[in-house]
């Protein structure tokens, strides 16, 4: 089972999917595409936790343990 976390102005929304469940996979894929189209940035958290570097991802990986979405930070 994987989890996608969307961290935005509404808080921390969690969406899970199961490799054996087509409905949850479709929902997670659609959500990934929606967030990408909004300009959000996705990072895959490696198994074992947050003490390792995350990798930026540009496509949904159903085998990922955790994908975290954040909005880009504007400088100025």
PDB file of N, CA and C in Angstrom:
ATOM      1  N   UNK A   1       0.845  -1.171   0.000  1.00  0.00           N
ATOM      2  CA  UNK A   1       0.000   0.000   0.000  1.00  0.00           C
ATOM      3  C   UNK A   1       0.892   1.236   0.000  1.00  0.00           C
ATOM      4  N   UNK A   2       0.519   2.223  -0.794  1.00  0.00           N
ATOM      5  CA  UNK A   2       1.247   3.474  -0.860  1.00  0.00           C
ATOM      6  C   UNK A   2       0.402   4.616  -0.335  1.00  0.00           C
ATOM      7  N   UNK A   3       1.079   5.720  -0.061  1.00  0.00           N
ATOM      8  CA  UNK A   3       0.383   6.908   0.430  1.00  0.00           C
ATOM      9  C   UNK A   3       0.900   8.136  -0.302  1.00  0.00           C
ATOM     10  N   UNK A   4      -0.022   9.018  -0.646  1.00  0.00           N
ATOM     11  CA  UNK A   4       0.311  10.294  -1.252  1.00  0.00           C
ATOM     12  C   UNK A   4      -0.168  11.373  -0.290  1.00  0.00           C
ATOM     13  N   UNK A   5       0.751  12.284   0.055  1.00  0.00           N
ATOM     14  CA  UNK A   5       0.421  13.379   0.971  1.00  0.00           C
ATOM     15  C   UNK A   5       0.490  14.689   0.204  1.00  0.00           C
ATOM     16  N   UNK A   6      -0.560  15.473   0.318  1.00  0.00           N
ATOM     17  CA  UNK A   6      -0.611  16.779  -0.339  1.00  0.00           C
ATOM     18  C   UNK A   6      -0.564  17.830   0.761  1.00  0.00           C
ATOM     19  N   UNK A   7       0.543  18.564   0.800  1.00  0.00           N
ATOM     20  CA  UNK A   7       0.731  19.593   1.813  1.00  0.00           C
ATOM     21  C   UNK A   7       0.483  20.935   1.142  1.00  0.00           C
ATOM     22  N   UNK A   8      -0.608  21.583   1.533  1.00  0.00           N
ATOM     23  CA  UNK A   8      -0.976  22.864   0.920  1.00  0.00           C
ATOM     24  C   UNK A   8      -1.679  23.744   1.942  1.00  0.00           C
ATOM     25  N   UNK A   9      -2.321  24.791   1.466  1.00  0.00           N
ATOM     26  CA  UNK A   9      -2.971  25.739   2.366  1.00  0.00           C
ATOM     27  C   UNK A   9      -4.125  25.137   3.166  1.00  0.00           C
ATOM     28  N   UNK A  10      -4.628  23.972   2.737  1.00  0.00           N
ATOM     29  CA  UNK A  10      -5.725  23.328   3.465  1.00  0.00           C
ATOM     30  C   UNK A  10      -5.222  22.363   4.536  1.00  0.00           C
ATOM     31  N   UNK A  11      -3.922  22.095   4.547  1.00  0.00           N
ATOM     32  CA  UNK A  11      -3.358  21.178   5.537  1.00  0.00           C
ATOM     33  C   UNK A  11      -2.580  20.057   4.874  1.00  0.00           C
ATOM     34  N   UNK A  12      -2.668  18.873   5.450  1.00  0.00           N
ATOM     35  CA  UNK A  12      -1.945  17.693   4.989  1.00  0.00           C
ATOM     36  C   UNK A  12      -2.969  16.614   4.657  1.00  0.00           C
ATOM     37  N   UNK A  13      -3.281  16.477   3.369  1.00  0.00           N
ATOM     38  CA  UNK A  13      -4.273  15.505   2.913  1.00  0.00           C
ATOM     39  C   UNK A  13      -3.564  14.212   2.530  1.00  0.00           C
ATOM     40  N   UNK A  14      -4.071  13.086   3.032  1.00  0.00           N
ATOM     41  CA  UNK A  14      -3.469  11.791   2.726  1.00  0.00           C
ATOM     42  C   UNK A  14      -4.417  10.957   1.865  1.00  0.00           C
ATOM     43  N   UNK A  15      -3.849  10.370   0.808  1.00  0.00           N
ATOM     44  CA  UNK A  15      -4.598   9.483  -0.081  1.00  0.00           C
ATOM     45  C   UNK A  15      -3.791   8.198  -0.195  1.00  0.00           C
ATOM     46  N   UNK A  16      -4.443   7.067  -0.016  1.00  0.00           N
ATOM     47  CA  UNK A  16      -3.743   5.782  -0.110  1.00  0.00           C
ATOM     48  C   UNK A  16      -4.213   5.008  -1.336  1.00  0.00           C
ATOM     49  N   UNK A  17      -3.380   4.078  -1.758  1.00  0.00           N
ATOM     50  CA  UNK A  17      -3.740   3.176  -2.840  1.00  0.00           C
ATOM     51  C   UNK A  17      -3.172   1.806  -2.535  1.00  0.00           C
ATOM     52  N   UNK A  18      -3.769   0.806  -3.162  1.00  0.00           N
ATOM     53  CA  UNK A  18      -3.356  -0.579  -2.994  1.00  0.00           C
ATOM     54  C   UNK A  18      -3.104  -1.139  -4.389  1.00  0.00           C
ATOM     55  N   UNK A  19      -1.960  -1.780  -4.570  1.00  0.00           N
ATOM     56  CA  UNK A  19      -1.613  -2.327  -5.885  1.00  0.00           C
ATOM     57  C   UNK A  19      -2.654  -3.320  -6.401  1.00  0.00           C
ATOM     58  N   UNK A  20      -3.378  -3.953  -5.512  1.00  0.00           N
ATOM     59  CA  UNK A  20      -4.393  -4.925  -5.923  1.00  0.00           C
ATOM     60  C   UNK A  20      -5.773  -4.340  -6.122  1.00  0.00           C
ATOM     61  N   UNK A  21      -5.901  -3.027  -6.001  1.00  0.00           N
ATOM     62  CA  UNK A  21      -7.214  -2.382  -6.078  1.00  0.00           C
ATOM     63  C   UNK A  21      -7.205  -1.346  -7.201  1.00  0.00           C
ATOM     64  N   UNK A  22      -7.815  -1.691  -8.314  1.00  0.00           N
ATOM     65  CA  UNK A  22      -7.828  -0.829  -9.495  1.00  0.00           C
ATOM     66  C   UNK A  22      -8.434   0.535  -9.210  1.00  0.00           C
ATOM     67  N   UNK A  23      -9.489   0.571  -8.418  1.00  0.00           N
ATOM     68  CA  UNK A  23     -10.168   1.831  -8.124  1.00  0.00           C
ATOM     69  C   UNK A  23      -9.240   2.813  -7.391  1.00  0.00           C
ATOM     70  N   UNK A  24      -8.518   2.333  -6.371  1.00  0.00           N
ATOM     71  CA  UNK A  24      -7.628   3.240  -5.637  1.00  0.00           C
ATOM     72  C   UNK A  24      -6.424   3.648  -6.492  1.00  0.00           C
ATOM     73  N   UNK A  25      -5.964   2.753  -7.358  1.00  0.00           N
ATOM     74  CA  UNK A  25      -4.863   3.099  -8.269  1.00  0.00           C
ATOM     75  C   UNK A  25      -5.284   4.181  -9.260  1.00  0.00           C
ATOM     76  N   UNK A  26      -6.471   4.051  -9.813  1.00  0.00           N
ATOM     77  CA  UNK A  26      -6.976   5.063 -10.750  1.00  0.00           C
ATOM     78  C   UNK A  26      -7.150   6.408 -10.066  1.00  0.00           C
ATOM     79  N   UNK A  27      -7.683   6.392  -8.844  1.00  0.00           N
ATOM     80  CA  UNK A  27      -7.875   7.636  -8.093  1.00  0.00           C
ATOM     81  C   UNK A  27      -6.533   8.305  -7.802  1.00  0.00           C
ATOM     82  N   UNK A  28      -5.534   7.534  -7.396  1.00  0.00           N
ATOM     83  CA  UNK A  28      -4.220   8.094  -7.090  1.00  0.00           C
ATOM     84  C   UNK A  28      -3.538   8.624  -8.355  1.00  0.00           C
ATOM     85  N   UNK A  29      -3.675   7.913  -9.464  1.00  0.00           N
ATOM     86  CA  UNK A  29      -3.083   8.365 -10.727  1.00  0.00           C
ATOM     87  C   UNK A  29      -3.714   9.676 -11.171  1.00  0.00           C
ATOM     88  N   UNK A  30      -5.031   9.764 -11.084  1.00  0.00           N
ATOM     89  CA  UNK A  30      -5.735  10.988 -11.468  1.00  0.00           C
ATOM     90  C   UNK A  30      -5.326  12.157 -10.569  1.00  0.00           C
ATOM     91  N   UNK A  31      -5.223  11.904  -9.284  1.00  0.00           N
ATOM     92  CA  UNK A  31      -4.805  12.940  -8.344  1.00  0.00           C
ATOM     93  C   UNK A  31      -3.375  13.400  -8.645  1.00  0.00           C
ATOM     94  N   UNK A  32      -2.490  12.464  -8.945  1.00  0.00           N
ATOM     95  CA  UNK A  32      -1.115  12.820  -9.288  1.00  0.00           C
ATOM     96  C   UNK A  32      -1.113  13.755 -10.494  1.00  0.00           C
ATOM     97  N   UNK A  33      -1.835  13.386 -11.528  1.00  0.00           N
ATOM     98  CA  UNK A  33      -1.885  14.209 -12.744  1.00  0.00           C
ATOM     99  C   UNK A  33      -2.476  15.588 -12.472  1.00  0.00           C
ATOM    100  N   UNK A  34      -3.490  15.659 -11.614  1.00  0.00           N
ATOM    101  CA  UNK A  34      -4.114  16.937 -11.260  1.00  0.00           C
ATOM    102  C   UNK A  34      -3.124  17.835 -10.536  1.00  0.00           C
ATOM    103  N   UNK A  35      -2.425  17.300  -9.557  1.00  0.00           N
ATOM    104  CA  UNK A  35      -1.455  18.093  -8.802  1.00  0.00           C
ATOM    105  C   UNK A  35      -0.301  18.549  -9.696  1.00  0.00           C
ATOM    106  N   UNK A  36       0.144  17.691 -10.581  1.00  0.00           N
ATOM    107  CA  UNK A  36       1.226  18.048 -11.507  1.00  0.00           C
ATOM    108  C   UNK A  36       0.782  19.203 -12.410  1.00  0.00           C
ATOM    109  N   UNK A  37      -0.445  19.142 -12.894  1.00  0.00           N
ATOM    110  CA  UNK A  37      -0.971  20.204 -13.764  1.00  0.00           C
ATOM    111  C   UNK A  37      -1.093  21.533 -13.027  1.00  0.00           C
ATOM    112  N   UNK A  38      -1.289  21.497 -11.706  1.00  0.00           N
ATOM    113  CA  UNK A  38      -1.377  22.712 -10.901  1.00  0.00           C
ATOM    114  C   UNK A  38      -0.013  23.360 -10.677  1.00  0.00           C
ATOM    115  N   UNK A  39       1.050  22.628 -10.991  1.00  0.00           N
ATOM    116  CA  UNK A  39       2.393  23.152 -10.764  1.00  0.00           C
ATOM    117  C   UNK A  39       3.003  22.728  -9.442  1.00  0.00           C
ATOM    118  N   UNK A  40       2.353  21.819  -8.738  1.00  0.00           N
ATOM    119  CA  UNK A  40       2.908  21.311  -7.489  1.00  0.00           C
ATOM    120  C   UNK A  40       4.115  20.425  -7.782  1.00  0.00           C
ATOM    121  N   UNK A  41       4.944  20.234  -6.768  1.00  0.00           N
ATOM    122  CA  UNK A  41       6.161  19.429  -6.895  1.00  0.00           C
ATOM    123  C   UNK A  41       5.993  18.138  -6.102  1.00  0.00           C
ATOM    124  N   UNK A  42       6.309  16.996  -6.741  1.00  0.00           N
ATOM    125  CA  UNK A  42       6.164  15.693  -6.098  1.00  0.00           C
ATOM    126  C   UNK A  42       7.536  15.117  -5.769  1.00  0.00           C
ATOM    127  N   UNK A  43       7.625  14.535  -4.584  1.00  0.00           N
ATOM    128  CA  UNK A  43       8.855  13.888  -4.148  1.00  0.00           C
ATOM    129  C   UNK A  43       8.521  12.503  -3.616  1.00  0.00           C
ATOM    130  N   UNK A  44       9.318  11.524  -4.029  1.00  0.00           N
ATOM    131  CA  UNK A  44       9.151  10.162  -3.551  1.00  0.00           C
ATOM    132  C   UNK A  44      10.071   9.965  -2.351  1.00  0.00           C
ATOM    133  N   UNK A  45       9.480   9.575  -1.236  1.00  0.00           N
ATOM    134  CA  UNK A  45      10.236   9.319  -0.014  1.00  0.00           C
ATOM    135  C   UNK A  45      10.675   7.858  -0.057  1.00  0.00           C
ATOM    136  N   UNK A  46      11.978   7.592   0.064  1.00  0.00           N
ATOM    137  CA  UNK A  46      12.441   6.208  -0.033  1.00  0.00           C
ATOM    138  C   UNK A  46      11.980   5.362   1.151  1.00  0.00           C
ATOM    139  N   UNK A  47      11.887   4.052   0.944  1.00  0.00           N
ATOM    140  CA  UNK A  47      11.517   3.164   2.050  1.00  0.00           C
ATOM    141  C   UNK A  47      12.492   3.356   3.211  1.00  0.00           C
ATOM    142  N   UNK A  48      11.976   3.305   4.408  1.00  0.00           N
ATOM    143  CA  UNK A  48      12.833   3.443   5.569  1.00  0.00           C
ATOM    144  C   UNK A  48      12.803   4.822   6.179  1.00  0.00           C
ATOM    145  N   UNK A  49      12.193   5.759   5.484  1.00  0.00           N
ATOM    146  CA  UNK A  49      11.953   7.006   6.160  1.00  0.00           C
ATOM    147  C   UNK A  49      12.622   8.247   5.660  1.00  0.00           C
ATOM    148  N   UNK A  50      12.547   9.211   6.508  1.00  0.00           N
ATOM    149  CA  UNK A  50      12.889  10.577   6.168  1.00  0.00           C
ATOM    150  C   UNK A  50      14.359  10.910   6.402  1.00  0.00           C
ATOM    151  N   UNK A  51      15.166   9.960   6.820  1.00  0.00           N
ATOM    152  CA  UNK A  51      16.578  10.240   7.021  1.00  0.00           C
ATOM    153  C   UNK A  51      17.375  10.095   5.723  1.00  0.00           C
ATOM    154  N   UNK A  52      16.686   9.781   4.634  1.00  0.00           N
ATOM    155  CA  UNK A  52      17.321   9.652   3.322  1.00  0.00           C
ATOM    156  C   UNK A  52      16.790  10.737   2.394  1.00  0.00           C
ATOM    157  N   UNK A  53      17.543  11.028   1.340  1.00  0.00           N
ATOM    158  CA  UNK A  53      17.120  12.043   0.387  1.00  0.00           C
ATOM    159  C   UNK A  53      15.899  11.579  -0.406  1.00  0.00           C
ATOM    160  N   UNK A  54      14.975  12.495  -0.627  1.00  0.00           N
ATOM    161  CA  UNK A  54      13.804  12.232  -1.462  1.00  0.00           C
ATOM    162  C   UNK A  54      14.161  12.554  -2.903  1.00  0.00           C
ATOM    163  N   UNK A  55      13.497  11.894  -3.837  1.00  0.00           N
ATOM    164  CA  UNK A  55      13.707  12.136  -5.259  1.00  0.00           C
ATOM    165  C   UNK A  55      12.485  12.821  -5.843  1.00  0.00           C
ATOM    166  N   UNK A  56      12.722  13.852  -6.656  1.00  0.00           N
ATOM    167  CA  UNK A  56      11.602  14.493  -7.347  1.00  0.00           C
ATOM    168  C   UNK A  56      11.092  13.543  -8.419  1.00  0.00           C
ATOM    169  N   UNK A  57       9.780  13.440  -8.542  1.00  0.00           N
ATOM    170  CA  UNK A  57       9.169  12.543  -9.527  1.00  0.00           C
ATOM    171  C   UNK A  57       8.209  13.326 -10.409  1.00  0.00           C
ATOM    172  N   UNK A  58       8.113  12.905 -11.662  1.00  0.00           N
ATOM    173  CA  UNK A  58       7.257  13.587 -12.634  1.00  0.00           C
ATOM    174  C   UNK A  58       6.130  12.691 -13.152  1.00  0.00           C
ATOM    175  N   UNK A  59       6.103  11.436 -12.699  1.00  0.00           N
ATOM    176  CA  UNK A  59       5.020  10.536 -13.086  1.00  0.00           C
ATOM    177  C   UNK A  59       4.690   9.626 -11.903  1.00  0.00           C
ATOM    178  N   UNK A  60       3.453   9.182 -11.861  1.00  0.00           N
ATOM    179  CA  UNK A  60       2.985   8.356 -10.754  1.00  0.00           C
ATOM    180  C   UNK A  60       3.650   6.993 -10.786  1.00  0.00           C
ATOM    181  N   UNK A  61       4.213   6.595  -9.655  1.00  0.00           N
ATOM    182  CA  UNK A  61       4.817   5.275  -9.498  1.00  0.00           C
ATOM    183  C   UNK A  61       3.988   4.506  -8.475  1.00  0.00           C
ATOM    184  N   UNK A  62       3.168   3.564  -8.927  1.00  0.00           N
ATOM    185  CA  UNK A  62       2.313   2.835  -7.990  1.00  0.00           C
ATOM    186  C   UNK A  62       3.100   2.024  -6.974  1.00  0.00           C
ATOM    187  N   UNK A  63       4.373   1.743  -7.253  1.00  0.00           N
ATOM    188  CA  UNK A  63       5.207   0.985  -6.323  1.00  0.00           C
ATOM    189  C   UNK A  63       5.853   1.833  -5.249  1.00  0.00           C
ATOM    190  N   UNK A  64       5.657   3.148  -5.309  1.00  0.00           N
ATOM    191  CA  UNK A  64       6.256   4.039  -4.312  1.00  0.00           C
ATOM    192  C   UNK A  64       5.595   3.833  -2.948  1.00  0.00           C
ATOM    193  N   UNK A  65       6.392   3.952  -1.896  1.00  0.00           N
ATOM    194  CA  UNK A  65       5.841   3.868  -0.540  1.00  0.00           C
ATOM    195  C   UNK A  65       5.118   5.153  -0.172  1.00  0.00           C
ATOM    196  N   UNK A  66       5.753   6.291  -0.472  1.00  0.00           N
ATOM    197  CA  UNK A  66       5.171   7.573  -0.103  1.00  0.00           C
ATOM    198  C   UNK A  66       5.561   8.633  -1.119  1.00  0.00           C
ATOM    199  N   UNK A  67       4.578   9.401  -1.555  1.00  0.00           N
ATOM    200  CA  UNK A  67       4.802  10.543  -2.443  1.00  0.00           C
ATOM    201  C   UNK A  67       4.274  11.767  -1.707  1.00  0.00           C
ATOM    202  N   UNK A  68       5.101  12.803  -1.634  1.00  0.00           N
ATOM    203  CA  UNK A  68       4.716  14.033  -0.942  1.00  0.00           C
ATOM    204  C   UNK A  68       4.646  15.155  -1.961  1.00  0.00           C
ATOM    205  N   UNK A  69       3.541  15.896  -1.934  1.00  0.00           N
ATOM    206  CA  UNK A  69       3.331  17.052  -2.819  1.00  0.00           C
ATOM    207  C   UNK A  69       3.486  18.339  -2.029  1.00  0.00           C
ATOM    208  N   UNK A  70       4.218  19.284  -2.607  1.00  0.00           N
ATOM    209  CA  UNK A  70       4.337  20.616  -2.014  1.00  0.00           C
ATOM    210  C   UNK A  70       4.177  21.656  -3.117  1.00  0.00           C
ATOM    211  N   UNK A  71       3.760  22.845  -2.717  1.00  0.00           N
ATOM    212  CA  UNK A  71       3.662  23.952  -3.673  1.00  0.00           C
ATOM    213  C   UNK A  71       5.040  24.597  -3.791  1.00  0.00           C
ATOM    214  N   UNK A  72       5.409  25.072  -4.964  1.00  0.00           N
ATOM    215  CA  UNK A  72       6.698  25.759  -5.098  1.00  0.00           C
ATOM    216  C   UNK A  72       6.709  27.034  -4.259  1.00  0.00           C
ATOM    217  N   UNK A  73       7.865  27.368  -3.759  1.00  0.00           N
ATOM    218  CA  UNK A  73       8.021  28.572  -2.956  1.00  0.00           C
ATOM    219  C   UNK A  73       8.469  29.706  -3.881  1.00  0.00           C
ATOM    220  N   UNK A  74       7.778  30.836  -3.821  1.00  0.00           N
ATOM    221  CA  UNK A  74       8.116  31.975  -4.655  1.00  0.00           C
ATOM    222  C   UNK A  74       9.079  32.873  -3.896  1.00  0.00           C
ATOM    223  N   UNK A  75      10.130  33.239  -4.555  1.00  0.00           N
ATOM    224  CA  UNK A  75      11.095  34.153  -3.939  1.00  0.00           C
ATOM    225  C   UNK A  75      10.793  35.595  -4.323  1.00  0.00           C
ATOM    226  N   UNK A  76      11.518  36.475  -3.747  1.00  0.00           N
ATOM    227  CA  UNK A  76      11.271  37.836  -4.168  1.00  0.00           C
ATOM    228  C   UNK A  76      11.796  38.788  -3.221  1.00  0.00           C
TER     229      UNK A  76
END
